Amino acid sequence: MGLWSRGLQVRARRALDRQLAYQRQKATQVRGLEEEVISWMVTHSQEVRRVLDGVRAIPADARVLEVGCGAHGLIFFFGTEDGLGLDPLAHHYATMFPAWQGRARTVTAVGECLPLRDQSFDIVLCDNVVDHAEDPRRIIEEIARVLVPGGVLYFEVNIHHPFYKAVASLHAAWRALGVKLEIAPFADHTVHLTLESARALFKGLPLRLVREMNDVEQAKRHAGQTIRHVGDRLKRLFFKNARYELVAVREPVT
C-alpha cells in the first residue's frame, strides 16, 4: 500500500473520530430539545421523500436503505415499513440518540463494503456522506450493486470550488508525511469534491440519471453577504459548501 493510500485510511479514521466527538457533544446539547430535532428531521426526510415520489411512487413496503445514516439520518422518518440504516458509528448513535434511532434498524458497517445481498433494496439514500469516507467511488459501486433493477438512488453531497480540492490535497500530503498541523474542515473530510469530481463518481455504472441539481450560484451569492473572518473572504472568491443532488434509477440487468 502506497503512502497516499495509507494517508487516505488515516484521514478516514480521523474523520470518524472527529464526527463521533462532535455528535457526543451534540447529544448533550440537544438533551431536552429532542422534539425540535425530530421536527427538523421529519421535514428533511419528507422533502427527500417528495423528490423520490416525483420519480416513482414509493409503496409502504418498499425496502429502503440509507448508506451513512449517521446520527440524524433520513431513514428514521422516511415513512416506510422496511428501513435499514448503515453507518460505521451506528452502535454509538443508538445509545446517544434513543429518541429516534430506534425508529429504524441500524447496522454498524462501512459503505465501501455493504454486508448486503445483490439487488436487495428498492430505494437507497446517501445524504452528505461520501466526502467523509475512504473511497467515495467504491460506495457508489456498492449502492449500484444492492439496488434492484428499476430501484432508485437519492444522493447528495457538498461540492466546492477546485481551490478547496487543491488545498485538501495539500493538507492530505503533509498529514501523510506526518506533519501534525491539522486544519479542521479538511480533517473532517477525506476529499473536497468539485462538481466535476462528484459527477465522475457515477461514470460507467448502471445508473440512469433522472434528476440533477446544484446550488453553486446561490452559494456564490451567499458568500458575499457575510464577512466575519478570512475564511469568508476566501468564499467570496472560491465558493464552498454548495449542494449537489442527484437521483438515478438502476438500469435493468442485461
Protein backbone atom coordinates (compact mmCIF):
# COMPACT_ATOMS: atom_id res chain seq x y z
CA MET A 1 0.00 0.00 0.00
CA GLY A 2 1.39 3.38 -1.02
CA LEU A 3 1.82 6.49 1.09
CA TRP A 4 -1.25 8.13 -0.41
CA SER A 5 -3.49 5.11 0.27
CA ARG A 6 -2.25 4.83 3.83
CA GLY A 7 -2.84 8.54 4.27
CA LEU A 8 -6.39 8.16 2.98
CA GLN A 9 -7.08 5.45 5.54
CA VAL A 10 -5.69 7.65 8.29
CA ARG A 11 -7.85 10.59 7.15
CA ALA A 12 -10.95 8.41 7.05
CA ARG A 13 -10.34 7.18 10.60
CA ARG A 14 -9.63 10.72 11.76
CA ALA A 15 -12.84 11.99 10.14
CA LEU A 16 -14.80 9.30 12.01
CA ASP A 17 -13.13 10.17 15.30
CA ARG A 18 -13.96 13.84 14.85
CA GLN A 19 -17.54 13.04 13.88
CA LEU A 20 -18.02 10.87 16.97
CA ALA A 21 -16.63 13.60 19.23
CA TYR A 22 -18.91 16.17 17.58
CA GLN A 23 -22.02 14.02 17.97
CA ARG A 24 -21.22 13.25 21.61
CA GLN A 25 -21.13 16.97 22.25
CA LYS A 26 -24.34 17.45 20.29
CA ALA A 27 -26.12 14.69 22.23
CA THR A 28 -25.51 16.67 25.39
CA GLN A 29 -26.63 19.94 23.81
CA VAL A 30 -29.96 18.60 22.47
CA ARG A 31 -30.98 16.79 25.66
CA GLY A 32 -34.46 18.05 26.44
CA LEU A 33 -34.79 19.52 22.92
CA GLU A 34 -35.44 16.24 21.13
CA GLU A 35 -38.82 17.32 19.76
CA GLU A 36 -37.23 20.25 17.95
CA VAL A 37 -34.60 17.99 16.40
CA ILE A 38 -37.24 15.46 15.40
CA SER A 39 -39.31 18.21 13.75
CA TRP A 40 -36.32 19.17 11.58
CA MET A 41 -35.60 15.52 10.77
CA VAL A 42 -39.20 14.87 9.72
CA THR A 43 -39.17 17.92 7.45
CA HIS A 44 -35.89 16.91 5.79
CA SER A 45 -36.91 13.28 5.32
CA GLN A 46 -40.26 14.20 3.81
CA GLU A 47 -38.65 16.71 1.44
CA VAL A 48 -36.48 13.91 0.06
CA ARG A 49 -39.46 11.55 0.02
CA ARG A 50 -41.40 14.01 -2.14
CA VAL A 51 -38.47 14.27 -4.57
CA LEU A 52 -38.42 10.49 -4.98
CA ASP A 53 -42.21 10.19 -5.18
CA GLY A 54 -41.94 12.57 -8.13
CA VAL A 55 -39.78 9.98 -9.89
CA ARG A 56 -41.65 6.84 -8.82
CA ALA A 57 -44.37 6.23 -6.25
CA ILE A 58 -42.86 4.56 -3.18
CA PRO A 59 -45.07 1.83 -1.69
CA ALA A 60 -45.27 1.41 2.08
CA ASP A 61 -43.45 -1.93 1.91
CA ALA A 62 -40.51 -0.64 -0.19
CA ARG A 63 -37.15 -1.90 1.03
CA VAL A 64 -35.22 1.27 1.87
CA LEU A 65 -31.53 1.52 2.76
CA GLU A 66 -29.63 4.58 3.93
CA VAL A 67 -25.86 4.34 3.50
CA GLY A 68 -24.25 6.54 6.12
CA CYS A 69 -27.42 7.17 8.15
CA GLY A 70 -25.37 8.88 10.86
CA ALA A 71 -26.96 10.35 13.95
CA HIS A 72 -29.86 12.16 12.22
CA GLY A 73 -30.42 10.25 9.01
CA LEU A 74 -33.30 10.31 6.55
CA ILE A 75 -34.27 6.72 7.29
CA PHE A 76 -35.72 7.42 10.73
CA PHE A 77 -38.68 9.41 9.43
CA PHE A 78 -38.82 8.30 5.80
CA GLY A 79 -42.24 6.76 6.30
CA THR A 80 -41.81 3.20 5.03
CA GLU A 81 -42.16 -0.06 6.94
CA ASP A 82 -38.86 -1.69 5.96
CA GLY A 83 -35.99 0.72 6.60
CA LEU A 84 -32.35 -0.07 7.31
CA GLY A 85 -29.57 2.37 8.16
CA LEU A 86 -25.86 1.56 7.89
CA ASP A 87 -23.13 3.65 9.45
CA PRO A 88 -19.63 2.97 10.87
CA LEU A 89 -20.74 4.66 14.12
CA ALA A 90 -24.26 3.20 14.31
CA HIS A 91 -23.65 1.36 17.59
CA HIS A 92 -22.64 4.64 19.25
CA TYR A 93 -25.57 6.62 17.87
CA ALA A 94 -28.15 4.05 19.02
CA THR A 95 -27.43 4.92 22.65
CA MET A 96 -26.64 8.61 22.13
CA PHE A 97 -29.92 9.48 20.37
CA PRO A 98 -32.55 6.99 21.60
CA ALA A 99 -35.46 9.35 20.89
CA TRP A 100 -35.36 8.45 17.18
CA GLN A 101 -32.64 5.89 16.46
CA GLY A 102 -35.00 3.04 17.35
CA ARG A 103 -37.38 4.00 14.55
CA ALA A 104 -35.29 2.04 12.03
CA ARG A 105 -32.95 -0.91 12.15
CA THR A 106 -29.32 0.16 12.10
CA VAL A 107 -26.16 -1.82 11.45
CA THR A 108 -22.53 -0.87 12.00
CA ALA A 109 -20.84 -1.09 8.60
CA VAL A 110 -18.85 0.97 6.10
CA GLY A 111 -20.29 1.99 2.76
CA GLU A 112 -17.34 0.58 0.82
CA CYS A 113 -18.30 -2.97 1.84
CA LEU A 114 -22.04 -3.30 2.38
CA PRO A 115 -22.93 -6.57 4.16
CA LEU A 116 -25.97 -7.00 1.91
CA ARG A 117 -27.08 -9.20 -0.96
CA ASP A 118 -27.05 -8.07 -4.57
CA GLN A 119 -30.27 -6.39 -5.73
CA SER A 120 -31.88 -6.37 -2.29
CA PHE A 121 -33.21 -2.79 -1.97
CA ASP A 122 -35.78 -0.73 -3.85
CA ILE A 123 -34.54 2.65 -2.59
CA VAL A 124 -31.06 3.71 -1.45
CA LEU A 125 -30.38 7.04 0.26
CA CYS A 126 -26.92 8.57 0.61
CA ASP A 127 -27.08 12.06 2.10
CA ASN A 128 -23.87 14.06 2.65
CA VAL A 129 -21.69 11.02 3.31
CA VAL A 130 -19.11 10.10 0.70
CA ASP A 131 -16.74 13.04 1.26
CA HIS A 132 -16.12 11.72 4.79
CA ALA A 133 -15.27 8.21 3.59
CA GLU A 134 -12.17 6.38 2.45
CA ASP A 135 -13.36 5.53 -1.07
CA PRO A 136 -16.35 7.53 -2.40
CA ARG A 137 -16.40 5.77 -5.77
CA ARG A 138 -16.49 2.35 -4.11
CA ILE A 139 -19.52 3.40 -2.08
CA ILE A 140 -21.42 4.29 -5.26
CA GLU A 141 -20.42 0.95 -6.79
CA GLU A 142 -21.79 -0.86 -3.74
CA ILE A 143 -25.01 1.13 -3.90
CA ALA A 144 -25.47 0.14 -7.55
CA ARG A 145 -24.86 -3.49 -6.57
CA VAL A 146 -27.57 -3.64 -3.89
CA LEU A 147 -30.23 -1.74 -5.85
CA VAL A 148 -32.82 -3.82 -7.69
CA PRO A 149 -33.23 -3.14 -11.42
CA GLY A 150 -35.51 -0.13 -11.55
CA GLY A 151 -34.56 0.83 -7.99
CA VAL A 152 -33.96 4.49 -7.15
CA LEU A 153 -30.94 6.22 -5.63
CA TYR A 154 -31.08 9.57 -3.84
CA PHE A 155 -27.63 11.11 -3.47
CA GLU A 156 -26.48 14.41 -2.02
CA VAL A 157 -23.06 15.84 -1.18
CA ASN A 158 -21.40 19.22 -0.74
CA ILE A 159 -19.28 20.45 -3.62
CA HIS A 160 -16.65 23.19 -3.70
CA HIS A 161 -14.54 25.36 -5.96
CA PRO A 162 -11.43 23.50 -7.24
CA PHE A 163 -9.34 25.72 -4.96
CA TYR A 164 -10.53 23.71 -1.95
CA LYS A 165 -9.79 20.42 -3.67
CA ALA A 166 -6.20 21.59 -4.19
CA VAL A 167 -5.85 22.74 -0.58
CA ALA A 168 -7.38 19.47 0.65
CA SER A 169 -4.81 17.53 -1.38
CA LEU A 170 -2.00 19.62 0.10
CA HIS A 171 -3.37 19.07 3.60
CA ALA A 172 -3.58 15.33 2.92
CA ALA A 173 0.01 15.26 1.69
CA TRP A 174 1.53 16.89 4.75
CA ARG A 175 -0.62 14.74 7.06
CA ALA A 176 0.57 11.60 5.21
CA LEU A 177 4.15 12.74 5.77
CA GLY A 178 3.50 13.02 9.50
CA VAL A 179 3.20 16.80 9.81
CA LYS A 180 0.93 17.40 12.82
CA LEU A 181 -0.63 20.65 11.58
CA GLU A 182 -4.35 19.97 11.15
CA ILE A 183 -6.97 22.29 9.66
CA ALA A 184 -10.39 21.35 10.99
CA PRO A 185 -12.52 21.49 7.78
CA PHE A 186 -10.01 19.29 5.97
CA ALA A 187 -9.71 16.90 8.91
CA ASP A 188 -13.48 16.35 8.86
CA HIS A 189 -13.42 15.22 5.22
CA THR A 190 -11.32 12.82 3.19
CA VAL A 191 -11.95 14.76 -0.04
CA HIS A 192 -13.38 18.10 -1.13
CA LEU A 193 -15.38 17.29 -4.25
CA THR A 194 -15.86 19.64 -7.16
CA LEU A 195 -18.94 19.44 -9.38
CA GLU A 196 -16.92 17.50 -11.94
CA SER A 197 -15.47 15.02 -9.45
CA ALA A 198 -18.90 14.42 -7.90
CA ARG A 199 -20.34 13.62 -11.32
CA ALA A 200 -17.38 11.36 -12.07
CA LEU A 201 -18.33 9.07 -9.18
CA PHE A 202 -21.19 7.71 -11.31
CA LYS A 203 -19.42 7.24 -14.64
CA GLY A 204 -19.59 3.75 -16.12
CA LEU A 205 -22.11 2.45 -13.58
CA PRO A 206 -25.58 1.06 -14.43
CA LEU A 207 -27.32 4.12 -13.01
CA ARG A 208 -29.51 6.27 -15.25
CA LEU A 209 -29.66 9.90 -14.18
CA VAL A 210 -33.21 11.25 -13.86
CA ARG A 211 -32.61 14.39 -11.79
CA GLU A 212 -29.56 16.54 -11.09
CA MET A 213 -29.26 19.92 -9.44
CA ASN A 214 -26.71 22.10 -7.72
CA ASP A 215 -26.87 25.47 -5.98
CA VAL A 216 -23.42 26.76 -6.89
CA GLU A 217 -24.77 30.16 -7.94
CA GLN A 218 -26.68 30.51 -4.67
CA ALA A 219 -23.54 29.56 -2.70
CA LYS A 220 -21.60 32.25 -4.56
CA ARG A 221 -24.21 34.89 -3.77
CA HIS A 222 -24.43 33.87 -0.12
CA ALA A 223 -20.65 34.01 0.27
CA GLY A 224 -20.65 37.72 -0.49
CA GLN A 225 -23.24 38.64 2.13
CA THR A 226 -21.31 37.99 5.34
CA ILE A 227 -17.65 38.70 6.07
CA ARG A 228 -16.63 37.53 9.55
CA HIS A 229 -13.10 36.20 9.02
CA VAL A 230 -10.50 35.28 6.42
CA GLY A 231 -12.42 32.13 5.50
CA ASP A 232 -15.42 34.20 4.49
CA ARG A 233 -13.22 36.39 2.30
CA LEU A 234 -11.95 33.27 0.54
CA LYS A 235 -15.51 32.11 -0.05
CA ARG A 236 -16.21 35.33 -1.96
CA LEU A 237 -13.58 34.23 -4.47
CA PHE A 238 -13.94 30.45 -4.20
CA PHE A 239 -17.41 29.12 -3.37
CA LYS A 240 -17.70 26.43 -0.71
CA ASN A 241 -20.38 24.01 0.50
CA ALA A 242 -22.69 24.18 -2.48
CA ARG A 243 -25.31 21.45 -2.60
CA TYR A 244 -25.21 18.74 -5.28
CA GLU A 245 -28.23 16.45 -5.57
CA LEU A 246 -28.75 13.52 -7.89
CA VAL A 247 -31.50 10.96 -8.39
CA ALA A 248 -30.76 7.91 -10.52
CA VAL A 249 -32.51 4.68 -11.48
CA ARG A 250 -30.72 1.32 -11.56
CA GLU A 251 -30.63 0.04 -15.12
CA PRO A 252 -32.05 -3.43 -15.85
CA VAL A 253 -29.60 -6.34 -15.81
CA THR A 254 -28.69 -7.40 -19.34
